PDB file of N, CA and C in Angstrom:
ATOM      1  N   MET A   1      29.016  64.111 -48.493  1.00  0.00           N
ATOM      2  CA  MET A   1      28.540  63.522 -47.251  1.00  0.00           C
ATOM      3  C   MET A   1      27.020  63.583 -47.183  1.00  0.00           C
ATOM      4  N   GLY A   2      26.443  64.636 -47.663  1.00  0.00           N
ATOM      5  CA  GLY A   2      25.001  64.788 -47.605  1.00  0.00           C
ATOM      6  C   GLY A   2      24.269  63.717 -48.399  1.00  0.00           C
ATOM      7  N   VAL A   3      24.837  63.329 -49.536  1.00  0.00           N
ATOM      8  CA  VAL A   3      24.199  62.319 -50.378  1.00  0.00           C
ATOM      9  C   VAL A   3      24.168  60.975 -49.660  1.00  0.00           C
ATOM     10  N   THR A   4      25.250  60.641 -48.974  1.00  0.00           N
ATOM     11  CA  THR A   4      25.320  59.377 -48.247  1.00  0.00           C
ATOM     12  C   THR A   4      24.250  59.322 -47.172  1.00  0.00           C
ATOM     13  N   GLU A   5      24.071  60.421 -46.461  1.00  0.00           N
ATOM     14  CA  GLU A   5      23.073  60.459 -45.394  1.00  0.00           C
ATOM     15  C   GLU A   5      21.669  60.311 -45.968  1.00  0.00           C
ATOM     16  N   LEU A   6      21.408  60.922 -47.120  1.00  0.00           N
ATOM     17  CA  LEU A   6      20.090  60.797 -47.729  1.00  0.00           C
ATOM     18  C   LEU A   6      19.845  59.366 -48.202  1.00  0.00           C
ATOM     19  N   LYS A   7      20.882  58.700 -48.698  1.00  0.00           N
ATOM     20  CA  LYS A   7      20.732  57.305 -49.122  1.00  0.00           C
ATOM     21  C   LYS A   7      20.409  56.425 -47.915  1.00  0.00           C
ATOM     22  N   ARG A   8      21.111  56.681 -46.820  1.00  0.00           N
ATOM     23  CA  ARG A   8      20.852  55.898 -45.599  1.00  0.00           C
ATOM     24  C   ARG A   8      19.438  56.152 -45.098  1.00  0.00           C
ATOM     25  N   LYS A   9      19.018  57.416 -45.135  1.00  0.00           N
ATOM     26  CA  LYS A   9      17.672  57.757 -44.682  1.00  0.00           C
ATOM     27  C   LYS A   9      16.636  57.073 -45.576  1.00  0.00           C
ATOM     28  N   ASP A  10      16.894  57.055 -46.870  1.00  0.00           N
ATOM     29  CA  ASP A  10      15.984  56.410 -47.809  1.00  0.00           C
ATOM     30  C   ASP A  10      15.889  54.909 -47.521  1.00  0.00           C
ATOM     31  N   GLN A  11      17.024  54.278 -47.275  1.00  0.00           N
ATOM     32  CA  GLN A  11      17.031  52.845 -46.957  1.00  0.00           C
ATOM     33  C   GLN A  11      16.265  52.578 -45.664  1.00  0.00           C
ATOM     34  N   LYS A  12      16.480  53.452 -44.678  1.00  0.00           N
ATOM     35  CA  LYS A  12      15.824  53.293 -43.381  1.00  0.00           C
ATOM     36  C   LYS A  12      14.309  53.459 -43.518  1.00  0.00           C
ATOM     37  N   ASN A  13      13.889  54.447 -44.302  1.00  0.00           N
ATOM     38  CA  ASN A  13      12.460  54.679 -44.499  1.00  0.00           C
ATOM     39  C   ASN A  13      11.809  53.504 -45.227  1.00  0.00           C
ATOM     40  N   LYS A  14      12.489  52.976 -46.238  1.00  0.00           N
ATOM     41  CA  LYS A  14      11.943  51.831 -46.973  1.00  0.00           C
ATOM     42  C   LYS A  14      11.871  50.602 -46.074  1.00  0.00           C
ATOM     43  N   ALA A  15      12.883  50.412 -45.254  1.00  0.00           N
ATOM     44  CA  ALA A  15      12.894  49.262 -44.345  1.00  0.00           C
ATOM     45  C   ALA A  15      11.751  49.369 -43.339  1.00  0.00           C
ATOM     46  N   ARG A  16      11.513  50.569 -42.817  1.00  0.00           N
ATOM     47  CA  ARG A  16      10.405  50.771 -41.869  1.00  0.00           C
ATOM     48  C   ARG A  16       9.071  50.443 -42.526  1.00  0.00           C
ATOM     49  N   ALA A  17       8.889  50.929 -43.746  1.00  0.00           N
ATOM     50  CA  ALA A  17       7.631  50.700 -44.457  1.00  0.00           C
ATOM     51  C   ALA A  17       7.444  49.199 -44.726  1.00  0.00           C
ATOM     52  N   ASN A  18       8.492  48.534 -45.169  1.00  0.00           N
ATOM     53  CA  ASN A  18       8.407  47.102 -45.451  1.00  0.00           C
ATOM     54  C   ASN A  18       8.143  46.307 -44.182  1.00  0.00           C
ATOM     55  N   ASN A  19       8.774  46.695 -43.087  1.00  0.00           N
ATOM     56  CA  ASN A  19       8.547  45.997 -41.814  1.00  0.00           C
ATOM     57  C   ASN A  19       7.105  46.187 -41.347  1.00  0.00           C
ATOM     58  N   LYS A  20       6.575  47.392 -41.541  1.00  0.00           N
ATOM     59  CA  LYS A  20       5.195  47.664 -41.134  1.00  0.00           C
ATOM     60  C   LYS A  20       4.226  46.817 -41.950  1.00  0.00           C
ATOM     61  N   ILE A  21       4.453  46.728 -43.255  1.00  0.00           N
ATOM     62  CA  ILE A  21       3.604  45.921 -44.127  1.00  0.00           C
ATOM     63  C   ILE A  21       3.706  44.451 -43.743  1.00  0.00           C
ATOM     64  N   ALA A  22       4.920  43.985 -43.486  1.00  0.00           N
ATOM     65  CA  ALA A  22       5.120  42.581 -43.113  1.00  0.00           C
ATOM     66  C   ALA A  22       4.419  42.270 -41.799  1.00  0.00           C
ATOM     67  N   ARG A  23       4.473  43.198 -40.841  1.00  0.00           N
ATOM     68  CA  ARG A  23       3.824  42.995 -39.541  1.00  0.00           C
ATOM     69  C   ARG A  23       2.308  42.902 -39.710  1.00  0.00           C
ATOM     70  N   ILE A  24       1.741  43.761 -40.548  1.00  0.00           N
ATOM     71  CA  ILE A  24       0.296  43.737 -40.788  1.00  0.00           C
ATOM     72  C   ILE A  24      -0.098  42.427 -41.457  1.00  0.00           C
ATOM     73  N   LYS A  25       0.689  41.986 -42.443  1.00  0.00           N
ATOM     74  CA  LYS A  25       0.383  40.726 -43.119  1.00  0.00           C
ATOM     75  C   LYS A  25       0.463  39.562 -42.149  1.00  0.00           C
ATOM     76  N   GLN A  26       1.417  39.591 -41.253  1.00  0.00           N
ATOM     77  CA  GLN A  26       1.571  38.522 -40.266  1.00  0.00           C
ATOM     78  C   GLN A  26       0.362  38.474 -39.337  1.00  0.00           C
ATOM     79  N   LEU A  27      -0.130  39.640 -38.929  1.00  0.00           N
ATOM     80  CA  LEU A  27      -1.304  39.681 -38.057  1.00  0.00           C
ATOM     81  C   LEU A  27      -2.554  39.193 -38.785  1.00  0.00           C
ATOM     82  N   LEU A  28      -2.662  39.518 -40.058  1.00  0.00           N
ATOM     83  CA  LEU A  28      -3.832  39.105 -40.824  1.00  0.00           C
ATOM     84  C   LEU A  28      -3.799  37.613 -41.144  1.00  0.00           C
ATOM     85  N   ARG A  29      -2.628  37.003 -41.117  1.00  0.00           N
ATOM     86  CA  ARG A  29      -2.473  35.595 -41.453  1.00  0.00           C
ATOM     87  C   ARG A  29      -3.053  34.702 -40.358  1.00  0.00           C
ATOM     88  N   ARG A  30      -3.103  35.208 -39.128  1.00  0.00           N
ATOM     89  CA  ARG A  30      -3.583  34.407 -38.014  1.00  0.00           C
ATOM     90  C   ARG A  30      -5.104  34.348 -38.020  1.00  0.00           C
ATOM     91  N   PRO A  31      -5.684  33.171 -37.896  1.00  0.00           N
ATOM     92  CA  PRO A  31      -7.152  33.104 -37.851  1.00  0.00           C
ATOM     93  C   PRO A  31      -7.688  33.574 -36.502  1.00  0.00           C
ATOM     94  N   ASP A  32      -8.857  34.172 -36.520  1.00  0.00           N
ATOM     95  CA  ASP A  32      -9.497  34.597 -35.284  1.00  0.00           C
ATOM     96  C   ASP A  32     -10.114  33.388 -34.608  1.00  0.00           C
ATOM     97  N   VAL A  33      -9.951  33.305 -33.315  1.00  0.00           N
ATOM     98  CA  VAL A  33     -10.545  32.225 -32.545  1.00  0.00           C
ATOM     99  C   VAL A  33     -11.766  32.810 -31.847  1.00  0.00           C
ATOM    100  N   LYS A  34     -12.926  32.353 -32.276  1.00  0.00           N
ATOM    101  CA  LYS A  34     -14.166  32.881 -31.706  1.00  0.00           C
ATOM    102  C   LYS A  34     -15.084  31.730 -31.348  1.00  0.00           C
ATOM    103  N   ASN A  35     -15.892  31.946 -30.338  1.00  0.00           N
ATOM    104  CA  ASN A  35     -16.911  30.987 -29.923  1.00  0.00           C
ATOM    105  C   ASN A  35     -16.335  29.586 -29.717  1.00  0.00           C
ATOM    106  N   VAL A  36     -15.295  29.503 -28.943  1.00  0.00           N
ATOM    107  CA  VAL A  36     -14.665  28.218 -28.661  1.00  0.00           C
ATOM    108  C   VAL A  36     -15.390  27.579 -27.478  1.00  0.00           C
ATOM    109  N   ASP A  37     -15.817  26.333 -27.677  1.00  0.00           N
ATOM    110  CA  ASP A  37     -16.494  25.594 -26.620  1.00  0.00           C
ATOM    111  C   ASP A  37     -15.440  24.817 -25.838  1.00  0.00           C
ATOM    112  N   VAL A  38     -15.026  25.376 -24.721  1.00  0.00           N
ATOM    113  CA  VAL A  38     -13.947  24.809 -23.919  1.00  0.00           C
ATOM    114  C   VAL A  38     -14.345  23.451 -23.365  1.00  0.00           C
ATOM    115  N   GLU A  39     -15.590  23.333 -22.944  1.00  0.00           N
ATOM    116  CA  GLU A  39     -16.048  22.066 -22.353  1.00  0.00           C
ATOM    117  C   GLU A  39     -16.016  20.948 -23.387  1.00  0.00           C
ATOM    118  N   ALA A  40     -16.358  21.253 -24.638  1.00  0.00           N
ATOM    119  CA  ALA A  40     -16.318  20.237 -25.697  1.00  0.00           C
ATOM    120  C   ALA A  40     -14.882  19.791 -25.955  1.00  0.00           C
ATOM    121  N   ILE A  41     -13.962  20.725 -25.915  1.00  0.00           N
ATOM    122  CA  ILE A  41     -12.554  20.387 -26.128  1.00  0.00           C
ATOM    123  C   ILE A  41     -12.056  19.501 -24.994  1.00  0.00           C
ATOM    124  N   LYS A  42     -12.409  19.848 -23.753  1.00  0.00           N
ATOM    125  CA  LYS A  42     -12.005  19.026 -22.612  1.00  0.00           C
ATOM    126  C   LYS A  42     -12.594  17.629 -22.715  1.00  0.00           C
ATOM    127  N   ALA A  43     -13.845  17.533 -23.161  1.00  0.00           N
ATOM    128  CA  ALA A  43     -14.493  16.231 -23.307  1.00  0.00           C
ATOM    129  C   ALA A  43     -13.788  15.397 -24.376  1.00  0.00           C
ATOM    130  N   SER A  44     -13.347  16.038 -25.465  1.00  0.00           N
ATOM    131  CA  SER A  44     -12.664  15.290 -26.526  1.00  0.00           C
ATOM    132  C   SER A  44     -11.321  14.770 -26.023  1.00  0.00           C
ATOM    133  N   PHE A  45     -10.632  15.547 -25.193  1.00  0.00           N
ATOM    134  CA  PHE A  45      -9.373  15.066 -24.619  1.00  0.00           C
ATOM    135  C   PHE A  45      -9.627  13.867 -23.699  1.00  0.00           C
ATOM    136  N   ALA A  46     -10.694  13.936 -22.920  1.00  0.00           N
ATOM    137  CA  ALA A  46     -11.025  12.828 -22.022  1.00  0.00           C
ATOM    138  C   ALA A  46     -11.339  11.574 -22.822  1.00  0.00           C
ATOM    139  N   GLU A  47     -12.059  11.731 -23.944  1.00  0.00           N
ATOM    140  CA  GLU A  47     -12.379  10.583 -24.798  1.00  0.00           C
ATOM    141  C   GLU A  47     -11.113   9.966 -25.379  1.00  0.00           C
ATOM    142  N   LYS A  48     -10.216  10.809 -25.849  1.00  0.00           N
ATOM    143  CA  LYS A  48      -8.963  10.306 -26.430  1.00  0.00           C
ATOM    144  C   LYS A  48      -8.134   9.578 -25.370  1.00  0.00           C
ATOM    145  N   LYS A  49      -8.100  10.148 -24.174  1.00  0.00           N
ATOM    146  CA  LYS A  49      -7.342   9.527 -23.089  1.00  0.00           C
ATOM    147  C   LYS A  49      -7.934   8.171 -22.730  1.00  0.00           C
ATOM    148  N   ALA A  50      -9.267   8.086 -22.676  1.00  0.00           N
ATOM    149  CA  ALA A  50      -9.929   6.818 -22.365  1.00  0.00           C
ATOM    150  C   ALA A  50      -9.676   5.793 -23.466  1.00  0.00           C
ATOM    151  N   ALA A  51      -9.704   6.226 -24.714  1.00  0.00           N
ATOM    152  CA  ALA A  51      -9.464   5.318 -25.836  1.00  0.00           C
ATOM    153  C   ALA A  51      -8.030   4.800 -25.798  1.00  0.00           C
ATOM    154  N   ALA A  52      -7.085   5.671 -25.477  1.00  0.00           N
ATOM    155  CA  ALA A  52      -5.687   5.267 -25.409  1.00  0.00           C
ATOM    156  C   ALA A  52      -5.476   4.270 -24.266  1.00  0.00           C
ATOM    157  N   ALA A  53      -6.145   4.499 -23.144  1.00  0.00           N
ATOM    158  CA  ALA A  53      -6.025   3.588 -22.010  1.00  0.00           C
ATOM    159  C   ALA A  53      -6.644   2.232 -22.340  1.00  0.00           C
ATOM    160  N   ALA A  54      -7.731   2.241 -23.074  1.00  0.00           N
ATOM    161  CA  ALA A  54      -8.387   0.988 -23.456  1.00  0.00           C
ATOM    162  C   ALA A  54      -7.501   0.187 -24.406  1.00  0.00           C
ATOM    163  N   GLN A  55      -6.784   0.867 -25.284  1.00  0.00           N
ATOM    164  CA  GLN A  55      -5.898   0.163 -26.225  1.00  0.00           C
ATOM    165  C   GLN A  55      -4.704  -0.439 -25.495  1.00  0.00           C
ATOM    166  N   LYS A  56      -4.187   0.266 -24.504  1.00  0.00           N
ATOM    167  CA  LYS A  56      -3.034  -0.251 -23.746  1.00  0.00           C
ATOM    168  C   LYS A  56      -3.415  -1.488 -22.957  1.00  0.00           C
ATOM    169  N   GLU A  57      -4.634  -1.516 -22.433  1.00  0.00           N
ATOM    170  CA  GLU A  57      -5.093  -2.663 -21.640  1.00  0.00           C
ATOM    171  C   GLU A  57      -5.355  -3.874 -22.533  1.00  0.00           C
ATOM    172  N   ALA A  58      -5.790  -3.618 -23.752  1.00  0.00           N
ATOM    173  CA  ALA A  58      -6.145  -4.726 -24.640  1.00  0.00           C
ATOM    174  C   ALA A  58      -4.955  -5.399 -25.255  1.00  0.00           C
TER     175      ALA A  58
END
């Protein structure tokens, strides 16, 4: 019985370590968003909306 428990503990420890590594890799995969110009983004949406409206009218 003791051997079975040690095998389970070993599997659990390896799974925890792998999950921790996977979580860190997932966090590192995301790019940092810095210095975002919100007003420029809003202006680009307004331009696209105006262009789409102009195409529908034409």
